[in-house]
C-alpha atoms as a PDB file:
ATOM      1  CA  MET A   1     121.635 126.845 100.268  1.00  0.00           C
ATOM      2  CA  SER A   2     118.205 128.477 100.081  1.00  0.00           C
ATOM      3  CA  LYS A   3     115.396 127.132 102.232  1.00  0.00           C
ATOM      4  CA  THR A   4     113.051 125.606  99.671  1.00  0.00           C
ATOM      5  CA  THR A   5     111.117 122.832 101.399  1.00  0.00           C
ATOM      6  CA  ASN A   6     108.429 123.096 104.053  1.00  0.00           C
ATOM      7  CA  PRO A   7     108.156 119.655 105.733  1.00  0.00           C
ATOM      8  CA  ASN A   8     104.494 120.209 106.749  1.00  0.00           C
ATOM      9  CA  LEU A   9     104.439 117.306 109.228  1.00  0.00           C
ATOM     10  CA  ASN A  10     102.198 116.839 112.250  1.00  0.00           C
ATOM     11  CA  ASP A  11     101.894 114.730 115.378  1.00  0.00           C
ATOM     12  CA  VAL A  12     104.209 111.674 115.460  1.00  0.00           C
ATOM     13  CA  ALA A  13     105.576 112.341 111.962  1.00  0.00           C
ATOM     14  CA  GLU A  14     106.936 115.704 113.115  1.00  0.00           C
ATOM     15  CA  THR A  15     109.155 114.024 115.719  1.00  0.00           C
ATOM     16  CA  LEU A  16     111.455 112.759 112.960  1.00  0.00           C
ATOM     17  CA  LEU A  17     112.703 116.341 112.698  1.00  0.00           C
ATOM     18  CA  ILE A  18     113.947 116.187 116.296  1.00  0.00           C
ATOM     19  CA  THR A  19     116.328 113.298 115.595  1.00  0.00           C
ATOM     20  CA  LEU A  20     117.363 114.880 112.278  1.00  0.00           C
ATOM     21  CA  TYR A  21     118.234 118.104 114.098  1.00  0.00           C
ATOM     22  CA  VAL A  22     120.184 116.258 116.785  1.00  0.00           C
ATOM     23  CA  ARG A  23     122.217 114.390 114.132  1.00  0.00           C
ATOM     24  CA  ALA A  24     122.955 117.678 112.382  1.00  0.00           C
ATOM     25  CA  LEU A  25     124.102 119.305 115.631  1.00  0.00           C
ATOM     26  CA  GLU A  26     126.303 116.331 116.514  1.00  0.00           C
ATOM     27  CA  SER A  27     127.928 116.303 113.079  1.00  0.00           C
ATOM     28  CA  GLN A  28     129.148 119.860 113.615  1.00  0.00           C
ATOM     29  CA  ARG A  29     130.871 119.154 116.929  1.00  0.00           C
ATOM     30  CA  PRO A  30     134.674 118.870 116.959  1.00  0.00           C
ATOM     31  CA  ASP A  31     134.338 115.615 118.934  1.00  0.00           C
ATOM     32  CA  ALA A  32     131.416 114.273 116.867  1.00  0.00           C
ATOM     33  CA  LEU A  33     130.599 110.563 117.212  1.00  0.00           C
ATOM     34  CA  ILE A  34     128.883 110.537 113.812  1.00  0.00           C
ATOM     35  CA  ASN A  35     129.379 112.510 110.636  1.00  0.00           C
ATOM     36  CA  ASP A  36     125.989 112.970 109.006  1.00  0.00           C
ATOM     37  CA  GLU A  37     126.586 115.731 106.465  1.00  0.00           C
ATOM     38  CA  LYS A  38     123.251 114.915 104.826  1.00  0.00           C
ATOM     39  CA  ALA A  39     121.442 115.805 108.068  1.00  0.00           C
ATOM     40  CA  VAL A  40     123.320 119.120 108.191  1.00  0.00           C
ATOM     41  CA  ALA A  41     122.325 119.894 104.605  1.00  0.00           C
ATOM     42  CA  LEU A  42     118.686 118.951 105.162  1.00  0.00           C
ATOM     43  CA  VAL A  43     118.338 121.186 108.226  1.00  0.00           C
ATOM     44  CA  LYS A  44     119.726 124.090 106.208  1.00  0.00           C
ATOM     45  CA  GLN A  45     117.445 123.330 103.271  1.00  0.00           C
ATOM     46  CA  MET A  46     114.129 123.025 105.084  1.00  0.00           C
ATOM     47  CA  ASN A  47     111.883 125.972 105.794  1.00  0.00           C
ATOM     48  CA  TYR A  48     111.234 124.951 109.394  1.00  0.00           C
ATOM     49  CA  ASP A  49     111.790 126.583 112.770  1.00  0.00           C
ATOM     50  CA  PHE A  50     114.132 124.050 114.390  1.00  0.00           C
ATOM     51  CA  SER A  51     114.567 126.415 117.341  1.00  0.00           C
ATOM     52  CA  ARG A  52     111.235 125.029 118.590  1.00  0.00           C
ATOM     53  CA  PHE A  53     113.098 121.969 119.799  1.00  0.00           C
ATOM     54  CA  THR A  54     115.168 124.019 122.229  1.00  0.00           C
ATOM     55  CA  GLN A  55     111.913 124.544 124.134  1.00  0.00           C
ATOM     56  CA  ILE A  56     111.735 120.815 124.916  1.00  0.00           C
ATOM     57  CA  LYS A  57     114.773 121.328 127.150  1.00  0.00           C
ATOM     58  CA  MET A  58     116.755 118.312 125.973  1.00  0.00           C
ATOM     59  CA  ASP A  59     120.105 118.369 127.718  1.00  0.00           C
ATOM     60  CA  GLU A  60     123.392 117.174 126.198  1.00  0.00           C
ATOM     61  CA  ASP A  61     122.956 113.710 127.726  1.00  0.00           C
ATOM     62  CA  ASP A  62     119.596 113.319 125.967  1.00  0.00           C
ATOM     63  CA  LYS A  63     121.133 114.291 122.627  1.00  0.00           C
ATOM     64  CA  LEU A  64     124.090 111.980 123.146  1.00  0.00           C
ATOM     65  CA  SER A  65     121.734 109.074 123.896  1.00  0.00           C
ATOM     66  CA  ILE A  66     119.973 109.669 120.572  1.00  0.00           C
ATOM     67  CA  ILE A  67     123.328 109.648 118.742  1.00  0.00           C
ATOM     68  CA  LEU A  68     124.514 106.462 120.456  1.00  0.00           C
ATOM     69  CA  ARG A  69     121.156 104.834 119.729  1.00  0.00           C
ATOM     70  CA  ASN A  70     121.457 105.731 116.045  1.00  0.00           C
ATOM     71  CA  ARG A  71     124.965 104.292 115.894  1.00  0.00           C
ATOM     72  CA  GLU A  72     123.884 101.099 117.656  1.00  0.00           C
ATOM     73  CA  PHE A  73     121.063 100.501 115.161  1.00  0.00           C
ATOM     74  CA  ASP A  74     123.625 100.839 112.372  1.00  0.00           C
ATOM     75  CA  ARG A  75     125.760  98.211 114.092  1.00  0.00           C
ATOM     76  CA  HIS A  76     122.831  95.791 114.319  1.00  0.00           C
ATOM     77  CA  ALA A  77     122.095  96.234 110.614  1.00  0.00           C
ATOM     78  CA  ARG A  78     125.723  95.594 109.654  1.00  0.00           C
ATOM     79  CA  ASP A  79     125.961  92.560 111.934  1.00  0.00           C
ATOM     80  CA  PHE A  80     122.807  91.020 110.491  1.00  0.00           C
ATOM     81  CA  MET A  81     123.992  91.567 106.923  1.00  0.00           C
ATOM     82  CA  ALA A  82     127.381  90.066 107.789  1.00  0.00           C
ATOM     83  CA  ARG A  83     125.503  86.891 108.766  1.00  0.00           C
ATOM     84  CA  ASN A  84     122.962  87.187 105.940  1.00  0.00           C
ATOM     85  CA  PRO A  85     124.470  89.160 103.028  1.00  0.00           C
ATOM     86  CA  GLU A  86     121.358  88.878 100.826  1.00  0.00           C
ATOM     87  CA  ALA A  87     118.913  89.734 103.591  1.00  0.00           C
ATOM     88  CA  VAL A  88     115.796  91.868 103.413  1.00  0.00           C
ATOM     89  CA  VAL A  89     115.904  94.800 105.837  1.00  0.00           C
ATOM     90  CA  VAL A  90     112.872  96.936 106.652  1.00  0.00           C
ATOM     91  CA  HIS A  91     113.508 100.247 108.383  1.00  0.00           C
ATOM     92  CA  ILE A  92     110.219 100.973 110.182  1.00  0.00           C
ATOM     93  CA  GLY A  93     109.651 104.681 110.754  1.00  0.00           C
ATOM     94  CA  CYS A  94     112.662 105.626 108.648  1.00  0.00           C
ATOM     95  CA  GLY A  95     111.997 109.360 108.814  1.00  0.00           C
ATOM     96  CA  LEU A  96     114.811 111.233 107.051  1.00  0.00           C
ATOM     97  CA  ASP A  97     117.556 108.872 108.191  1.00  0.00           C
ATOM     98  CA  SER A  98     120.012 107.811 105.476  1.00  0.00           C
ATOM     99  CA  ARG A  99     120.833 104.440 107.066  1.00  0.00           C
ATOM    100  CA  PHE A 100     120.739 102.515 103.780  1.00  0.00           C
ATOM    101  CA  GLU A 101     123.535 104.676 102.392  1.00  0.00           C
ATOM    102  CA  ARG A 102     125.617 104.130 105.533  1.00  0.00           C
ATOM    103  CA  VAL A 103     125.351 100.356 105.784  1.00  0.00           C
ATOM    104  CA  ASP A 104     124.589  99.051 102.268  1.00  0.00           C
ATOM    105  CA  ASN A 105     126.638  95.929 101.493  1.00  0.00           C
ATOM    106  CA  GLY A 106     125.799  95.828  97.790  1.00  0.00           C
ATOM    107  CA  LEU A 107     123.460  92.828  98.140  1.00  0.00           C
ATOM    108  CA  VAL A 108     120.758  93.684 100.682  1.00  0.00           C
ATOM    109  CA  GLU A 109     117.163  94.354  99.648  1.00  0.00           C
ATOM    110  CA  TRP A 110     116.232  97.447 101.653  1.00  0.00           C
ATOM    111  CA  TYR A 111     112.836  98.971 102.422  1.00  0.00           C
ATOM    112  CA  ASP A 112     112.262 102.333 104.073  1.00  0.00           C
ATOM    113  CA  LEU A 113     108.778 102.368 105.632  1.00  0.00           C
ATOM    114  CA  ASP A 114     106.971 105.455 106.884  1.00  0.00           C
ATOM    115  CA  LEU A 115     103.755 107.425 106.549  1.00  0.00           C
ATOM    116  CA  PRO A 116     102.915 108.665 103.028  1.00  0.00           C
ATOM    117  CA  GLU A 117     103.707 112.296 103.895  1.00  0.00           C
ATOM    118  CA  VAL A 118     107.129 111.274 105.205  1.00  0.00           C
ATOM    119  CA  ILE A 119     107.950 109.159 102.155  1.00  0.00           C
ATOM    120  CA  ASP A 120     106.879 112.050  99.933  1.00  0.00           C
ATOM    121  CA  LEU A 121     109.327 114.267 101.811  1.00  0.00           C
ATOM    122  CA  ARG A 122     112.092 111.669 101.408  1.00  0.00           C
ATOM    123  CA  ARG A 123     111.545 111.667  97.662  1.00  0.00           C
ATOM    124  CA  LYS A 124     111.848 115.447  97.560  1.00  0.00           C
ATOM    125  CA  LEU A 125     114.886 115.752  99.787  1.00  0.00           C
ATOM    126  CA  ILE A 126     116.964 112.589  99.730  1.00  0.00           C
ATOM    127  CA  ALA A 127     116.598 110.071  96.937  1.00  0.00           C
ATOM    128  CA  ASN A 128     114.313 107.988  94.802  1.00  0.00           C
ATOM    129  CA  GLU A 129     114.096 104.227  94.682  1.00  0.00           C
ATOM    130  CA  CYS A 130     116.608 102.016  92.909  1.00  0.00           C
ATOM    131  CA  PRO A 131     116.673  98.241  92.190  1.00  0.00           C
ATOM    132  CA  ARG A 132     117.534  97.208  95.783  1.00  0.00           C
ATOM    133  CA  TYR A 133     116.181 100.238  97.621  1.00  0.00           C
ATOM    134  CA  HIS A 134     112.428 100.687  98.005  1.00  0.00           C
ATOM    135  CA  PHE A 135     109.925 102.966  99.741  1.00  0.00           C
ATOM    136  CA  LEU A 136     106.818 101.762 101.545  1.00  0.00           C
ATOM    137  CA  ALA A 137     104.378 104.639 102.069  1.00  0.00           C
ATOM    138  CA  TYR A 138     102.145 103.091 104.723  1.00  0.00           C
ATOM    139  CA  SER A 139     101.255 103.239 108.359  1.00  0.00           C
ATOM    140  CA  VAL A 140     103.160 100.461 110.064  1.00  0.00           C
ATOM    141  CA  PHE A 141      99.765  99.048 111.125  1.00  0.00           C
ATOM    142  CA  ASP A 142      98.508  98.771 107.540  1.00  0.00           C
ATOM    143  CA  LYS A 143      99.006  95.102 106.694  1.00  0.00           C
ATOM    144  CA  ALA A 144      99.204  95.812 102.959  1.00  0.00           C
ATOM    145  CA  TRP A 145     102.951  96.371 103.179  1.00  0.00           C
ATOM    146  CA  LEU A 146     103.403  92.923 104.727  1.00  0.00           C
ATOM    147  CA  ASP A 147     101.841  91.365 101.641  1.00  0.00           C
ATOM    148  CA  LEU A 148     104.223  93.272  99.362  1.00  0.00           C
ATOM    149  CA  LEU A 149     107.226  91.703 101.092  1.00  0.00           C
ATOM    150  CA  SER A 150     106.017  88.152 100.431  1.00  0.00           C
ATOM    151  CA  VAL A 151     107.817  88.230  97.055  1.00  0.00           C
ATOM    152  CA  HIS A 152     111.084  87.637  98.893  1.00  0.00           C
ATOM    153  CA  GLY A 153     110.160  84.119  99.951  1.00  0.00           C
ATOM    154  CA  GLU A 154     112.620  82.589 102.374  1.00  0.00           C
ATOM    155  CA  ARG A 155     115.234  85.339 102.466  1.00  0.00           C
ATOM    156  CA  PRO A 156     116.179  86.338 106.038  1.00  0.00           C
ATOM    157  CA  PHE A 157     114.370  89.412 107.352  1.00  0.00           C
ATOM    158  CA  LEU A 158     115.497  92.111 109.758  1.00  0.00           C
ATOM    159  CA  PHE A 159     113.086  94.761 111.019  1.00  0.00           C
ATOM    160  CA  LEU A 160     114.514  97.943 112.546  1.00  0.00           C
ATOM    161  CA  ALA A 161     112.241 100.217 114.594  1.00  0.00           C
ATOM    162  CA  GLU A 162     114.151 103.177 116.014  1.00  0.00           C
ATOM    163  CA  GLY A 163     112.233 105.811 117.961  1.00  0.00           C
ATOM    164  CA  VAL A 164     108.863 104.416 116.873  1.00  0.00           C
ATOM    165  CA  PHE A 165     107.105 102.015 119.215  1.00  0.00           C
ATOM    166  CA  MET A 166     106.930 104.318 122.243  1.00  0.00           C
ATOM    167  CA  TYR A 167     104.404 106.513 120.416  1.00  0.00           C
ATOM    168  CA  PHE A 168     101.824 103.707 120.299  1.00  0.00           C
ATOM    169  CA  GLU A 169      99.765 101.724 122.754  1.00  0.00           C
ATOM    170  CA  GLU A 170     101.109  98.370 123.941  1.00  0.00           C
ATOM    171  CA  ALA A 171      98.256  96.496 122.235  1.00  0.00           C
ATOM    172  CA  GLN A 172      99.258  98.047 118.891  1.00  0.00           C
ATOM    173  CA  VAL A 173     102.920  97.172 119.333  1.00  0.00           C
ATOM    174  CA  LYS A 174     102.058  93.631 120.405  1.00  0.00           C
ATOM    175  CA  SER A 175      99.772  93.123 117.402  1.00  0.00           C
ATOM    176  CA  LEU A 176     102.515  94.306 115.037  1.00  0.00           C
ATOM    177  CA  VAL A 177     105.180  92.091 116.607  1.00  0.00           C
ATOM    178  CA  LEU A 178     102.904  89.051 116.334  1.00  0.00           C
ATOM    179  CA  SER A 179     102.131  89.893 112.688  1.00  0.00           C
ATOM    180  CA  LEU A 180     105.847  90.032 111.918  1.00  0.00           C
ATOM    181  CA  ARG A 181     106.359  86.693 113.665  1.00  0.00           C
ATOM    182  CA  ASP A 182     103.493  85.024 111.817  1.00  0.00           C
ATOM    183  CA  ASN A 183     104.319  86.404 108.370  1.00  0.00           C
ATOM    184  CA  PHE A 184     108.127  86.165 108.580  1.00  0.00           C
ATOM    185  CA  PRO A 185     108.996  83.299 110.943  1.00  0.00           C
ATOM    186  CA  GLY A 186     112.589  83.473 112.063  1.00  0.00           C
ATOM    187  CA  ALA A 187     112.856  87.210 111.367  1.00  0.00           C
ATOM    188  CA  GLU A 188     114.804  89.411 113.742  1.00  0.00           C
ATOM    189  CA  LEU A 189     113.525  92.647 115.243  1.00  0.00           C
ATOM    190  CA  VAL A 190     115.627  95.421 116.729  1.00  0.00           C
ATOM    191  CA  CYS A 191     113.632  98.097 118.547  1.00  0.00           C
ATOM    192  CA  ASP A 192     114.150 100.628 121.282  1.00  0.00           C
ATOM    193  CA  ALA A 193     111.908 101.310 124.235  1.00  0.00           C
ATOM    194  CA  PHE A 194     111.681 103.596 127.238  1.00  0.00           C
ATOM    195  CA  SER A 195     110.889 102.500 130.760  1.00  0.00           C
ATOM    196  CA  PRO A 196     107.410 103.458 132.049  1.00  0.00           C
ATOM    197  CA  PHE A 197     109.143 105.948 134.355  1.00  0.00           C
ATOM    198  CA  ILE A 198     110.777 107.852 131.492  1.00  0.00           C
ATOM    199  CA  VAL A 199     107.566 107.708 129.416  1.00  0.00           C
ATOM    200  CA  ARG A 200     105.785 109.638 132.160  1.00  0.00           C
ATOM    201  CA  ALA A 201     108.705 112.000 132.747  1.00  0.00           C
ATOM    202  CA  ASN A 202     109.150 112.834 129.070  1.00  0.00           C
ATOM    203  CA  ASN A 203     105.435 113.400 128.552  1.00  0.00           C
ATOM    204  CA  LEU A 204     105.508 115.927 131.369  1.00  0.00           C
ATOM    205  CA  ARG A 205     108.472 117.605 129.732  1.00  0.00           C
ATOM    206  CA  PHE A 206     106.595 117.866 126.420  1.00  0.00           C
ATOM    207  CA  ARG A 207     103.446 119.065 128.158  1.00  0.00           C
ATOM    208  CA  PHE A 208     105.136 121.970 129.912  1.00  0.00           C
ATOM    209  CA  SER A 209     107.449 122.949 127.065  1.00  0.00           C
ATOM    210  CA  ARG A 210     106.629 125.728 124.613  1.00  0.00           C
ATOM    211  CA  SER A 211     107.517 123.653 121.563  1.00  0.00           C
ATOM    212  CA  ASN A 212     103.883 122.842 120.663  1.00  0.00           C
ATOM    213  CA  ILE A 213     104.927 119.287 119.749  1.00  0.00           C
ATOM    214  CA  SER A 214     101.669 117.325 119.983  1.00  0.00           C
ATOM    215  CA  ALA A 215     103.016 113.747 119.969  1.00  0.00           C
ATOM    216  CA  ARG A 216     103.124 111.865 123.260  1.00  0.00           C
ATOM    217  CA  TYR A 217     104.617 108.573 124.397  1.00  0.00           C
ATOM    218  CA  HIS A 218     102.282 105.711 125.295  1.00  0.00           C
ATOM    219  CA  TRP A 219     104.183 102.432 125.555  1.00  0.00           C
ATOM    220  CA  GLY A 220     106.835 101.802 128.161  1.00  0.00           C
ATOM    221  CA  LEU A 221     108.718  98.523 128.602  1.00  0.00           C
ATOM    222  CA  LYS A 222     109.330  97.576 132.216  1.00  0.00           C
ATOM    223  CA  ASN A 223     111.315  94.434 131.449  1.00  0.00           C
ATOM    224  CA  CYS A 224     112.614  93.445 128.022  1.00  0.00           C
ATOM    225  CA  LYS A 225     111.648  89.827 128.748  1.00  0.00           C
ATOM    226  CA  ASP A 226     107.996  90.888 128.847  1.00  0.00           C
ATOM    227  CA  VAL A 227     107.872  90.870 125.035  1.00  0.00           C
ATOM    228  CA  GLU A 228     108.697  87.146 125.076  1.00  0.00           C
ATOM    229  CA  SER A 229     105.392  86.565 126.885  1.00  0.00           C
ATOM    230  CA  TRP A 230     103.411  88.098 124.010  1.00  0.00           C
ATOM    231  CA  GLY A 231     103.506  84.857 122.023  1.00  0.00           C
ATOM    232  CA  ASN A 232     105.284  81.592 121.375  1.00  0.00           C
ATOM    233  CA  ASP A 233     108.842  81.552 120.025  1.00  0.00           C
ATOM    234  CA  ILE A 234     109.674  85.203 120.648  1.00  0.00           C
ATOM    235  CA  VAL A 235     113.216  85.184 122.046  1.00  0.00           C
ATOM    236  CA  LEU A 236     115.320  88.041 123.383  1.00  0.00           C
ATOM    237  CA  LEU A 237     118.769  87.776 121.776  1.00  0.00           C
ATOM    238  CA  ASP A 238     120.489  90.747 123.395  1.00  0.00           C
ATOM    239  CA  GLU A 239     119.957  94.146 124.956  1.00  0.00           C
ATOM    240  CA  TRP A 240     121.893  97.422 125.010  1.00  0.00           C
ATOM    241  CA  PHE A 241     121.801 100.506 127.206  1.00  0.00           C
ATOM    242  CA  PRO A 242     123.668 103.801 126.653  1.00  0.00           C
ATOM    243  CA  LEU A 243     125.712 103.440 129.830  1.00  0.00           C
ATOM    244  CA  ASP A 244     126.826  99.865 129.092  1.00  0.00           C
ATOM    245  CA  GLN A 245     130.132 100.979 127.549  1.00  0.00           C
ATOM    246  CA  PRO A 246     132.417 103.782 128.756  1.00  0.00           C
ATOM    247  CA  GLU A 247     131.795 106.983 126.828  1.00  0.00           C
ATOM    248  CA  PRO A 248     133.883 110.036 127.846  1.00  0.00           C
ATOM    249  CA  ARG A 249     130.970 112.417 127.335  1.00  0.00           C
ATOM    250  CA  PHE A 250     128.969 110.342 129.844  1.00  0.00           C
ATOM    251  CA  ALA A 251     131.745 110.344 132.440  1.00  0.00           C
ATOM    252  CA  HIS A 252     129.818 112.668 134.768  1.00  0.00           C
ATOM    253  CA  ILE A 253     126.875 110.241 134.993  1.00  0.00           C
ATOM    254  CA  GLN A 254     128.653 106.875 135.046  1.00  0.00           C
ATOM    255  CA  TRP A 255     127.556 106.485 138.654  1.00  0.00           C
ATOM    256  CA  MET A 256     124.018 105.920 137.304  1.00  0.00           C
ATOM    257  CA  ARG A 257     125.111 102.517 135.972  1.00  0.00           C
ATOM    258  CA  HIS A 258     124.655 101.136 139.492  1.00  0.00           C
ATOM    259  CA  ILE A 259     121.031 102.312 139.793  1.00  0.00           C
ATOM    260  CA  PRO A 260     118.810 100.266 137.425  1.00  0.00           C
ATOM    261  CA  LEU A 261     115.939 102.771 137.546  1.00  0.00           C
ATOM    262  CA  LEU A 262     118.280 105.379 136.051  1.00  0.00           C
ATOM    263  CA  ALA A 263     120.682 103.216 134.040  1.00  0.00           C
ATOM    264  CA  LYS A 264     117.970 101.469 132.040  1.00  0.00           C
ATOM    265  CA  VAL A 265     115.523 104.219 131.187  1.00  0.00           C
ATOM    266  CA  MET A 266     116.129 103.607 127.470  1.00  0.00           C
ATOM    267  CA  GLY A 267     117.394 100.479 125.773  1.00  0.00           C
ATOM    268  CA  ILE A 268     117.681  98.715 122.441  1.00  0.00           C
ATOM    269  CA  PHE A 269     116.323  95.178 122.335  1.00  0.00           C
ATOM    270  CA  HIS A 270     117.041  92.474 119.776  1.00  0.00           C
ATOM    271  CA  TYR A 271     114.501  89.672 119.327  1.00  0.00           C
ATOM    272  CA  ARG A 272     114.037  86.630 117.125  1.00  0.00           C
ATOM    273  CA  LEU A 273     110.411  86.252 116.084  1.00  0.00           C
ATOM    274  CA  GLY A 274     109.372  82.665 115.655  1.00  0.00           C
ATOM    275  CA  LYS A 275     111.167  79.670 114.228  1.00  0.00           C
ATOM    276  CA  TYR A 276     112.603  79.710 110.730  1.00  0.00           C
ATOM    277  CA  PHE A 277     110.898  77.117 108.521  1.00  0.00           C
ATOM    278  CA  GLN A 278     112.397  75.778 105.302  1.00  0.00           C
ATOM    279  CA  TYR A 279     109.264  75.747 103.189  1.00  0.00           C
ATOM    280  CA  PRO A 280     107.360  78.411 101.245  1.00  0.00           C
ATOM    281  CA  ARG A 281     105.326  80.767 103.386  1.00  0.00           C
ATOM    282  CA  THR A 282     101.783  81.758 102.570  1.00  0.00           C
ATOM    283  CA  MET A 283     100.368  85.090 103.599  1.00  0.00           C
ATOM    284  CA  PRO A 284      97.182  85.117 105.700  1.00  0.00           C
END
């Protein structure tokens, strides 16, 4: 396949290419935990120097964590749709992930949300919208997209934010979480976060790499219960860490499970935002 598309992304938007590249590499392993042939095809198609990411010095454990994280977000989406088959799911910071195709149950109303330049790239490389699959070309902090979702009334909502929140300040993340709670009471949010320790460590790694990636992490979550203190009726439902379950490719670092500072540097956290009310909502 000829290389026909230049992604032309900058800052945080460019980081979506890191996870795309990792999924493509994983899919070509003989012991692959995922099979993302679309990621492989996209990497081959794009006119982009993916070798830049080797300068970040991600080791195999880092790449495996990204793959396990991706698979865990898929599981959360499937579980939510099993409980709520006609749900509305919003994939915040969707990048070039093809999650809708992987988990679609034939009934869900799905929205992929990302910056306009990313959505434009999705349209060129992946797919266009269809009756149950929609694009939202907005910054996640632009409240206009919240208004667009009001047409779905009382349908259950799930918001997925994978590899997104750590690039913003805590005040921004808090404001967004409270907006989701207020506009969609009873919605569920699944997001990942790094510990403050790994935020600092990874920023140093970016700073001294030769990749020229400009994005930096800002928000670190010391304790997943801290989000509950941001406002009333925010409840932690469950948490997940890469070392929670035995994984043969992590066998050499299983000892880290007994050291919280190391075992919980990255996690996925599942929250319920507010109480679900059985009457029509009005948008502020």
